[in-house]
C-alpha cells in the first residue's frame, strides 16, 4: 500500500499590491484552505482592511473557499481609505443658521476645513481647540473641535452737552455688564436720564451693556438727556394796562430769549 504526504508550498501575504512589506511568509499544505494561515492581521493607519486578493488582481477572496495550489502563491491586502466625522461645536456661540454644531466628513490625509466662524455676543472668535491639523493623520472615528472665545471689553464714554464727563463714572465693561445709571444735575435743566442703545435710562435704572457688532476695545457712548426747565416771566404795566389786565405772563425755556408781550 502506498502512502503519500501532501507537500507544502510557500504562501506569502503582502501588505499591498506593490509588495512593499511582507505580512507573513508561510509554508502551507497542498489543498488546505488558505484561511488556515495563522498570522497577525495587519493594520494601516487611515485604512480599513477589506480582505485579500491574489497578486495581480483586486477581487476579494473568501479564503475559506480557496486552497493551497501546487505552487507558490502570493496574496496582497486590499485596503479602503477611511473617512471621519469632524464636529465643530460653537461652544456658546451660534452659526448663521442658528445652529451650534456643524459637521463635515473628511477623508484620511485630507485637510480639515472649518465652516464659517460662529458668532457670540460679547466675545471674539479665537480659533478652535484642538487646533485644526493640516490633514487628518490618525484613526479617530470622530473628531471634535470646539470654538475658543475671548471676552471683549469695551470702553465707556459718558457725554453731557458734547463734553466728556467720564471721570466720575465707570469706563470699562463687558457684554452683559450692568451699570446703575448715575444722577446728574445741571442749572436750569431737568435730567431725563442717559441715552444708550436707543433707550433712555433714568437715574437709578440699570443699564445693561450689549454687544452691537462691536469689537474688543471699541468705545461705547452713553449720553446725558436734558430738558430745559420752563419759567414764567411776568410783565407789569406799571400804571398802564393791556386790554385784558395790568400784567402779562410769558413762558420761556431756561437760557432762551424772553419775548415781551405786545403793547
C-alpha atoms as a PDB file:
ATOM      1  CA  UNK A   1       0.000   0.000   0.000  1.00  0.00           C
ATOM      2  CA  UNK A   2       1.322   3.412  -0.939  1.00  0.00           C
ATOM      3  CA  UNK A   3       1.134   6.360   1.391  1.00  0.00           C
ATOM      4  CA  UNK A   4       1.523   9.929   0.240  1.00  0.00           C
ATOM      5  CA  UNK A   5       2.343  13.014   2.203  1.00  0.00           C
ATOM      6  CA  UNK A   6       0.996  16.341   0.908  1.00  0.00           C
ATOM      7  CA  UNK A   7       3.692  18.783   0.009  1.00  0.00           C
ATOM      8  CA  UNK A   8       3.921  22.226   1.488  1.00  0.00           C
ATOM      9  CA  UNK A   9       4.077  25.267  -0.720  1.00  0.00           C
ATOM     10  CA  UNK A  10       5.076  28.834   0.085  1.00  0.00           C
ATOM     11  CA  UNK A  11       2.208  31.255   0.649  1.00  0.00           C
ATOM     12  CA  UNK A  12       3.196  34.889   1.129  1.00  0.00           C
ATOM     13  CA  UNK A  13       0.852  37.633   2.341  1.00  0.00           C
ATOM     14  CA  UNK A  14       1.895  41.152   1.364  1.00  0.00           C
ATOM     15  CA  UNK A  15       0.850  44.488   2.815  1.00  0.00           C
ATOM     16  CA  UNK A  16      -0.228  45.875  -0.570  1.00  0.00           C
ATOM     17  CA  UNK A  17      -0.148  45.277  -4.299  1.00  0.00           C
ATOM     18  CA  UNK A  18       3.288  46.865  -4.511  1.00  0.00           C
ATOM     19  CA  UNK A  19       4.553  44.181  -2.096  1.00  0.00           C
ATOM     20  CA  UNK A  20       6.332  46.837  -0.032  1.00  0.00           C
ATOM     21  CA  UNK A  21       6.117  44.755   3.129  1.00  0.00           C
ATOM     22  CA  UNK A  22       5.733  41.072   3.912  1.00  0.00           C
ATOM     23  CA  UNK A  23       2.950  40.399   6.412  1.00  0.00           C
ATOM     24  CA  UNK A  24       3.506  36.641   6.658  1.00  0.00           C
ATOM     25  CA  UNK A  25       5.619  34.088   4.806  1.00  0.00           C
ATOM     26  CA  UNK A  26       4.266  30.594   5.380  1.00  0.00           C
ATOM     27  CA  UNK A  27       4.571  27.035   4.097  1.00  0.00           C
ATOM     28  CA  UNK A  28       1.116  25.533   3.891  1.00  0.00           C
ATOM     29  CA  UNK A  29      -0.013  22.043   2.996  1.00  0.00           C
ATOM     30  CA  UNK A  30      -1.255  21.471  -0.520  1.00  0.00           C
ATOM     31  CA  UNK A  31      -5.053  21.513  -0.675  1.00  0.00           C
ATOM     32  CA  UNK A  32      -5.550  23.145   2.716  1.00  0.00           C
ATOM     33  CA  UNK A  33      -7.764  26.209   2.995  1.00  0.00           C
ATOM     34  CA  UNK A  34      -5.910  29.475   2.792  1.00  0.00           C
ATOM     35  CA  UNK A  35      -7.975  30.554   5.813  1.00  0.00           C
ATOM     36  CA  UNK A  36      -5.891  28.105   7.872  1.00  0.00           C
ATOM     37  CA  UNK A  37      -2.943  30.519   7.624  1.00  0.00           C
ATOM     38  CA  UNK A  38      -2.148  31.893  11.053  1.00  0.00           C
ATOM     39  CA  UNK A  39      -0.570  35.333  11.391  1.00  0.00           C
ATOM     40  CA  UNK A  40      -1.193  38.714  12.955  1.00  0.00           C
ATOM     41  CA  UNK A  41      -3.746  40.673  10.954  1.00  0.00           C
ATOM     42  CA  UNK A  42      -2.034  43.834   9.669  1.00  0.00           C
ATOM     43  CA  UNK A  43      -3.213  47.367  10.319  1.00  0.00           C
ATOM     44  CA  UNK A  44      -2.635  50.544   8.374  1.00  0.00           C
ATOM     45  CA  UNK A  45      -3.340  53.980   9.792  1.00  0.00           C
ATOM     46  CA  UNK A  46      -6.197  55.639   7.954  1.00  0.00           C
ATOM     47  CA  UNK A  47      -7.274  52.479   6.153  1.00  0.00           C
ATOM     48  CA  UNK A  48      -9.572  49.520   6.799  1.00  0.00           C
ATOM     49  CA  UNK A  49      -8.542  46.017   5.728  1.00  0.00           C
ATOM     50  CA  UNK A  50     -11.130  44.690   3.293  1.00  0.00           C
ATOM     51  CA  UNK A  51      -9.519  41.331   2.738  1.00  0.00           C
ATOM     52  CA  UNK A  52      -7.057  39.582   0.418  1.00  0.00           C
ATOM     53  CA  UNK A  53      -6.617  39.085  -3.302  1.00  0.00           C
ATOM     54  CA  UNK A  54      -4.257  37.062  -5.457  1.00  0.00           C
ATOM     55  CA  UNK A  55      -1.309  39.059  -6.674  1.00  0.00           C
ATOM     56  CA  UNK A  56      -2.198  40.955  -9.865  1.00  0.00           C
ATOM     57  CA  UNK A  57      -5.929  41.007  -9.095  1.00  0.00           C
ATOM     58  CA  UNK A  58      -8.255  43.149  -6.975  1.00  0.00           C
ATOM     59  CA  UNK A  59     -11.037  40.625  -6.391  1.00  0.00           C
ATOM     60  CA  UNK A  60     -11.599  39.987  -2.699  1.00  0.00           C
ATOM     61  CA  UNK A  61     -11.226  36.300  -1.855  1.00  0.00           C
ATOM     62  CA  UNK A  62     -13.132  34.132   0.578  1.00  0.00           C
ATOM     63  CA  UNK A  63     -10.058  32.395   1.992  1.00  0.00           C
ATOM     64  CA  UNK A  64     -12.181  29.577   3.380  1.00  0.00           C
ATOM     65  CA  UNK A  65     -13.039  28.617  -0.190  1.00  0.00           C
ATOM     66  CA  UNK A  66      -9.504  28.995  -1.558  1.00  0.00           C
ATOM     67  CA  UNK A  67      -6.983  26.152  -1.231  1.00  0.00           C
ATOM     68  CA  UNK A  68      -3.219  25.990  -1.431  1.00  0.00           C
ATOM     69  CA  UNK A  69      -2.200  25.127  -5.008  1.00  0.00           C
ATOM     70  CA  UNK A  70       0.764  23.003  -6.023  1.00  0.00           C
ATOM     71  CA  UNK A  71       2.928  26.048  -6.415  1.00  0.00           C
ATOM     72  CA  UNK A  72       3.952  29.169  -4.594  1.00  0.00           C
ATOM     73  CA  UNK A  73       1.233  31.789  -4.264  1.00  0.00           C
ATOM     74  CA  UNK A  74       1.236  35.437  -3.293  1.00  0.00           C
ATOM     75  CA  UNK A  75      -1.672  37.321  -1.789  1.00  0.00           C
ATOM     76  CA  UNK A  76      -1.950  41.080  -1.345  1.00  0.00           C
ATOM     77  CA  UNK A  77      -4.019  43.048   1.149  1.00  0.00           C
ATOM     78  CA  UNK A  78      -6.955  45.130  -0.060  1.00  0.00           C
ATOM     79  CA  UNK A  79      -7.410  48.436   1.768  1.00  0.00           C
ATOM     80  CA  UNK A  80     -10.149  51.060   1.864  1.00  0.00           C
ATOM     81  CA  UNK A  81      -9.299  54.618   2.879  1.00  0.00           C
ATOM     82  CA  UNK A  82     -11.246  55.787   5.924  1.00  0.00           C
ATOM     83  CA  UNK A  83     -13.408  58.861   6.319  1.00  0.00           C
ATOM     84  CA  UNK A  84     -14.034  60.564   9.622  1.00  0.00           C
ATOM     85  CA  UNK A  85     -16.753  62.721  11.090  1.00  0.00           C
ATOM     86  CA  UNK A  86     -15.490  66.127  12.197  1.00  0.00           C
ATOM     87  CA  UNK A  87     -17.670  68.174  14.550  1.00  0.00           C
ATOM     88  CA  UNK A  88     -17.308  71.926  15.005  1.00  0.00           C
ATOM     89  CA  UNK A  89     -19.015  72.940  18.253  1.00  0.00           C
ATOM     90  CA  UNK A  90     -19.876  76.629  18.703  1.00  0.00           C
ATOM     91  CA  UNK A  91     -19.401  76.460  22.487  1.00  0.00           C
ATOM     92  CA  UNK A  92     -21.937  79.104  23.448  1.00  0.00           C
ATOM     93  CA  UNK A  93     -21.963  80.785  20.058  1.00  0.00           C
ATOM     94  CA  UNK A  94     -24.170  80.319  17.015  1.00  0.00           C
ATOM     95  CA  UNK A  95     -23.696  79.829  13.306  1.00  0.00           C
ATOM     96  CA  UNK A  96     -25.555  81.972  10.756  1.00  0.00           C
ATOM     97  CA  UNK A  97     -28.356  79.408  10.529  1.00  0.00           C
ATOM     98  CA  UNK A  98     -28.877  79.469  14.301  1.00  0.00           C
ATOM     99  CA  UNK A  99     -27.277  76.085  14.947  1.00  0.00           C
ATOM    100  CA  UNK A 100     -24.489  75.423  17.419  1.00  0.00           C
ATOM    101  CA  UNK A 101     -22.964  72.439  15.600  1.00  0.00           C
ATOM    102  CA  UNK A 102     -21.535  71.943  12.129  1.00  0.00           C
ATOM    103  CA  UNK A 103     -20.450  68.517  10.921  1.00  0.00           C
ATOM    104  CA  UNK A 104     -18.366  67.501   7.950  1.00  0.00           C
ATOM    105  CA  UNK A 105     -16.717  64.340   6.670  1.00  0.00           C
ATOM    106  CA  UNK A 106     -13.002  64.283   5.925  1.00  0.00           C
ATOM    107  CA  UNK A 107     -11.027  61.536   4.221  1.00  0.00           C
ATOM    108  CA  UNK A 108      -7.773  60.404   5.792  1.00  0.00           C
ATOM    109  CA  UNK A 109      -4.918  62.603   4.624  1.00  0.00           C
ATOM    110  CA  UNK A 110      -7.170  65.444   3.501  1.00  0.00           C
ATOM    111  CA  UNK A 111      -7.064  68.926   5.007  1.00  0.00           C
ATOM    112  CA  UNK A 112      -9.655  69.770   7.627  1.00  0.00           C
ATOM    113  CA  UNK A 113     -11.615  72.835   6.513  1.00  0.00           C
ATOM    114  CA  UNK A 114     -13.689  74.617   9.145  1.00  0.00           C
ATOM    115  CA  UNK A 115     -17.130  76.058   8.376  1.00  0.00           C
ATOM    116  CA  UNK A 116     -17.825  79.775   8.773  1.00  0.00           C
ATOM    117  CA  UNK A 117     -16.823  81.173  12.135  1.00  0.00           C
ATOM    118  CA  UNK A 118     -19.601  81.151  14.709  1.00  0.00           C
ATOM    119  CA  UNK A 119     -20.552  84.366  16.493  1.00  0.00           C
ATOM    120  CA  UNK A 120     -21.195  85.073  20.160  1.00  0.00           C
ATOM    121  CA  UNK A 121     -22.366  88.316  21.718  1.00  0.00           C
ATOM    122  CA  UNK A 122     -19.606  89.948  23.721  1.00  0.00           C
ATOM    123  CA  UNK A 123     -16.908  87.580  22.563  1.00  0.00           C
ATOM    124  CA  UNK A 124     -14.379  87.436  19.753  1.00  0.00           C
ATOM    125  CA  UNK A 125     -13.769  84.125  17.999  1.00  0.00           C
ATOM    126  CA  UNK A 126     -10.259  82.946  18.866  1.00  0.00           C
ATOM    127  CA  UNK A 127      -9.800  79.695  16.945  1.00  0.00           C
ATOM    128  CA  UNK A 128     -10.512  76.027  17.610  1.00  0.00           C
ATOM    129  CA  UNK A 129      -9.499  73.608  20.325  1.00  0.00           C
ATOM    130  CA  UNK A 130      -7.756  71.453  19.356  1.00  0.00           C
ATOM    131  CA  UNK A 131      -6.267  73.470  16.508  1.00  0.00           C
ATOM    132  CA  UNK A 132      -7.129  72.240  13.029  1.00  0.00           C
ATOM    133  CA  UNK A 133      -4.485  69.903  11.572  1.00  0.00           C
ATOM    134  CA  UNK A 134      -3.163  70.307   8.075  1.00  0.00           C
ATOM    135  CA  UNK A 135      -4.541  66.851   7.387  1.00  0.00           C
ATOM    136  CA  UNK A 136      -6.302  64.028   9.213  1.00  0.00           C
ATOM    137  CA  UNK A 137      -3.402  61.907  10.381  1.00  0.00           C
ATOM    138  CA  UNK A 138      -4.821  59.417  12.854  1.00  0.00           C
ATOM    139  CA  UNK A 139      -7.583  56.893  13.009  1.00  0.00           C
ATOM    140  CA  UNK A 140     -10.076  58.675  15.245  1.00  0.00           C
ATOM    141  CA  UNK A 141     -13.593  57.872  14.040  1.00  0.00           C
ATOM    142  CA  UNK A 142     -14.942  61.199  15.306  1.00  0.00           C
ATOM    143  CA  UNK A 143     -13.046  64.418  15.857  1.00  0.00           C
ATOM    144  CA  UNK A 144     -14.419  67.291  17.907  1.00  0.00           C
ATOM    145  CA  UNK A 145     -13.219  70.867  17.573  1.00  0.00           C
ATOM    146  CA  UNK A 146     -14.627  73.414  19.991  1.00  0.00           C
ATOM    147  CA  UNK A 147     -14.740  77.165  19.417  1.00  0.00           C
ATOM    148  CA  UNK A 148     -12.437  79.208  21.640  1.00  0.00           C
ATOM    149  CA  UNK A 149     -13.696  82.628  22.707  1.00  0.00           C
ATOM    150  CA  UNK A 150     -12.042  85.771  24.030  1.00  0.00           C
ATOM    151  CA  UNK A 151     -14.315  88.028  26.042  1.00  0.00           C
ATOM    152  CA  UNK A 152     -14.476  91.537  24.637  1.00  0.00           C
ATOM    153  CA  UNK A 153     -14.030  94.586  26.846  1.00  0.00           C
ATOM    154  CA  UNK A 154     -15.449  97.952  25.817  1.00  0.00           C
ATOM    155  CA  UNK A 155     -14.529 101.439  26.983  1.00  0.00           C
ATOM    156  CA  UNK A 156     -17.470 103.556  28.139  1.00  0.00           C
ATOM    157  CA  UNK A 157     -17.593 107.275  27.354  1.00  0.00           C
ATOM    158  CA  UNK A 158     -20.130 109.386  29.250  1.00  0.00           C
ATOM    159  CA  UNK A 159     -21.079 112.580  27.419  1.00  0.00           C
ATOM    160  CA  UNK A 160     -23.086 115.619  28.505  1.00  0.00           C
ATOM    161  CA  UNK A 161     -23.592 118.627  26.237  1.00  0.00           C
ATOM    162  CA  UNK A 162     -20.936 117.255  23.930  1.00  0.00           C
ATOM    163  CA  UNK A 163     -18.363 117.123  26.713  1.00  0.00           C
ATOM    164  CA  UNK A 164     -16.667 114.031  28.110  1.00  0.00           C
ATOM    165  CA  UNK A 165     -17.764 113.629  31.744  1.00  0.00           C
ATOM    166  CA  UNK A 166     -16.429 110.096  32.173  1.00  0.00           C
ATOM    167  CA  UNK A 167     -14.069 110.917  35.038  1.00  0.00           C
ATOM    168  CA  UNK A 168     -16.697 110.248  37.705  1.00  0.00           C
ATOM    169  CA  UNK A 169     -18.204 107.096  36.205  1.00  0.00           C
ATOM    170  CA  UNK A 170     -17.353 103.515  35.225  1.00  0.00           C
ATOM    171  CA  UNK A 171     -15.435 103.489  31.983  1.00  0.00           C
ATOM    172  CA  UNK A 172     -14.915  99.790  31.214  1.00  0.00           C
ATOM    173  CA  UNK A 173     -17.418  96.971  30.764  1.00  0.00           C
ATOM    174  CA  UNK A 174     -18.028  93.636  29.090  1.00  0.00           C
ATOM    175  CA  UNK A 175     -21.138  92.375  27.307  1.00  0.00           C
ATOM    176  CA  UNK A 176     -23.967  91.904  29.798  1.00  0.00           C
ATOM    177  CA  UNK A 177     -22.328  94.085  32.448  1.00  0.00           C
ATOM    178  CA  UNK A 178     -24.850  96.115  34.441  1.00  0.00           C
ATOM    179  CA  UNK A 179     -24.279  99.751  35.401  1.00  0.00           C
ATOM    180  CA  UNK A 180     -26.639 101.716  37.644  1.00  0.00           C
ATOM    181  CA  UNK A 181     -27.420 104.955  35.838  1.00  0.00           C
ATOM    182  CA  UNK A 182     -25.948 107.839  37.864  1.00  0.00           C
ATOM    183  CA  UNK A 183     -27.728 111.068  38.765  1.00  0.00           C
ATOM    184  CA  UNK A 184     -26.748 114.334  37.077  1.00  0.00           C
ATOM    185  CA  UNK A 185     -27.574 117.943  37.835  1.00  0.00           C
ATOM    186  CA  UNK A 186     -27.438 120.996  35.649  1.00  0.00           C
ATOM    187  CA  UNK A 187     -28.662 124.503  36.424  1.00  0.00           C
ATOM    188  CA  UNK A 188     -31.926 125.258  34.664  1.00  0.00           C
ATOM    189  CA  UNK A 189     -32.432 121.762  33.279  1.00  0.00           C
ATOM    190  CA  UNK A 190     -34.286 118.594  34.242  1.00  0.00           C
ATOM    191  CA  UNK A 191     -32.230 115.435  33.914  1.00  0.00           C
ATOM    192  CA  UNK A 192     -34.205 112.805  31.965  1.00  0.00           C
ATOM    193  CA  UNK A 193     -31.572 110.103  32.126  1.00  0.00           C
ATOM    194  CA  UNK A 194     -28.946 108.548  29.905  1.00  0.00           C
ATOM    195  CA  UNK A 195     -29.366 107.660  26.240  1.00  0.00           C
ATOM    196  CA  UNK A 196     -27.799 104.326  25.286  1.00  0.00           C
ATOM    197  CA  UNK A 197     -28.557 101.834  22.546  1.00  0.00           C
ATOM    198  CA  UNK A 198     -31.837 103.514  21.579  1.00  0.00           C
ATOM    199  CA  UNK A 199     -33.244 103.809  25.097  1.00  0.00           C
ATOM    200  CA  UNK A 200     -33.218 106.397  27.873  1.00  0.00           C
ATOM    201  CA  UNK A 201     -32.345 105.195  31.370  1.00  0.00           C
ATOM    202  CA  UNK A 202     -33.436 107.313  34.309  1.00  0.00           C
ATOM    203  CA  UNK A 203     -31.111 107.761  37.269  1.00  0.00           C
ATOM    204  CA  UNK A 204     -31.114 104.522  39.259  1.00  0.00           C
ATOM    205  CA  UNK A 205     -32.113 102.363  36.303  1.00  0.00           C
ATOM    206  CA  UNK A 206     -29.846  99.508  35.296  1.00  0.00           C
ATOM    207  CA  UNK A 207     -28.021  99.994  32.016  1.00  0.00           C
ATOM    208  CA  UNK A 208     -27.013  96.642  30.510  1.00  0.00           C
ATOM    209  CA  UNK A 209     -24.043  96.872  28.189  1.00  0.00           C
ATOM    210  CA  UNK A 210     -24.634  94.906  24.999  1.00  0.00           C
ATOM    211  CA  UNK A 211     -22.562  93.902  22.004  1.00  0.00           C
ATOM    212  CA  UNK A 212     -23.977  95.644  18.938  1.00  0.00           C
ATOM    213  CA  UNK A 213     -21.483  94.258  16.450  1.00  0.00           C
ATOM    214  CA  UNK A 214     -18.694  95.791  18.441  1.00  0.00           C
ATOM    215  CA  UNK A 215     -15.089  94.674  18.636  1.00  0.00           C
ATOM    216  CA  UNK A 216     -12.815  94.315  21.608  1.00  0.00           C
ATOM    217  CA  UNK A 217     -11.677  97.734  22.773  1.00  0.00           C
ATOM    218  CA  UNK A 218     -14.434  99.669  20.996  1.00  0.00           C
ATOM    219  CA  UNK A 219     -15.751 102.808  22.655  1.00  0.00           C
ATOM    220  CA  UNK A 220     -19.441 102.907  23.583  1.00  0.00           C
ATOM    221  CA  UNK A 221     -21.051 106.290  24.238  1.00  0.00           C
ATOM    222  CA  UNK A 222     -23.707 107.000  26.866  1.00  0.00           C
ATOM    223  CA  UNK A 223     -25.202 110.489  26.560  1.00  0.00           C
ATOM    224  CA  UNK A 224     -26.998 112.642  29.129  1.00  0.00           C
ATOM    225  CA  UNK A 225     -30.526 113.626  28.134  1.00  0.00           C
ATOM    226  CA  UNK A 226     -31.646 117.079  29.336  1.00  0.00           C
ATOM    227  CA  UNK A 227     -34.805 119.149  29.041  1.00  0.00           C
ATOM    228  CA  UNK A 228     -34.619 122.875  29.672  1.00  0.00           C
ATOM    229  CA  UNK A 229     -36.889 123.992  32.505  1.00  0.00           C
ATOM    230  CA  UNK A 230     -39.757 126.347  31.672  1.00  0.00           C
ATOM    231  CA  UNK A 231     -40.076 129.566  33.659  1.00  0.00           C
ATOM    232  CA  UNK A 232     -42.691 132.323  33.793  1.00  0.00           C
ATOM    233  CA  UNK A 233     -41.748 135.946  33.086  1.00  0.00           C
ATOM    234  CA  UNK A 234     -44.311 138.440  34.422  1.00  0.00           C
ATOM    235  CA  UNK A 235     -44.617 141.821  32.742  1.00  0.00           C
ATOM    236  CA  UNK A 236     -46.205 144.616  34.832  1.00  0.00           C
ATOM    237  CA  UNK A 237     -47.766 147.585  33.007  1.00  0.00           C
ATOM    238  CA  UNK A 238     -46.632 149.874  35.872  1.00  0.00           C
ATOM    239  CA  UNK A 239     -49.690 152.097  35.930  1.00  0.00           C
ATOM    240  CA  UNK A 240     -50.754 151.246  32.439  1.00  0.00           C
ATOM    241  CA  UNK A 241     -52.783 148.298  31.250  1.00  0.00           C
ATOM    242  CA  UNK A 242     -53.480 145.868  28.483  1.00  0.00           C
ATOM    243  CA  UNK A 243     -56.918 145.192  27.251  1.00  0.00           C
ATOM    244  CA  UNK A 244     -57.111 142.136  29.489  1.00  0.00           C
ATOM    245  CA  UNK A 245     -55.311 143.418  32.561  1.00  0.00           C
ATOM    246  CA  UNK A 246     -52.325 145.130  34.075  1.00  0.00           C
ATOM    247  CA  UNK A 247     -49.913 142.152  33.857  1.00  0.00           C
ATOM    248  CA  UNK A 248     -48.860 139.651  31.229  1.00  0.00           C
ATOM    249  CA  UNK A 249     -47.228 136.237  31.845  1.00  0.00           C
ATOM    250  CA  UNK A 250     -44.878 134.740  29.241  1.00  0.00           C
ATOM    251  CA  UNK A 251     -43.333 131.267  29.447  1.00  0.00           C
ATOM    252  CA  UNK A 252     -39.767 130.760  28.335  1.00  0.00           C
ATOM    253  CA  UNK A 253     -37.257 127.921  28.470  1.00  0.00           C
ATOM    254  CA  UNK A 254     -34.150 128.373  30.576  1.00  0.00           C
ATOM    255  CA  UNK A 255     -31.343 130.135  28.760  1.00  0.00           C
ATOM    256  CA  UNK A 256     -33.691 131.142  25.935  1.00  0.00           C
ATOM    257  CA  UNK A 257     -34.730 134.638  24.883  1.00  0.00           C
ATOM    258  CA  UNK A 258     -37.890 136.042  26.502  1.00  0.00           C
ATOM    259  CA  UNK A 259     -40.321 137.618  24.071  1.00  0.00           C
ATOM    260  CA  UNK A 260     -42.133 140.612  25.543  1.00  0.00           C
ATOM    261  CA  UNK A 261     -45.893 140.856  25.046  1.00  0.00           C
ATOM    262  CA  UNK A 262     -47.286 143.323  22.545  1.00  0.00           C
ATOM    263  CA  UNK A 263     -48.070 146.823  23.776  1.00  0.00           C
END
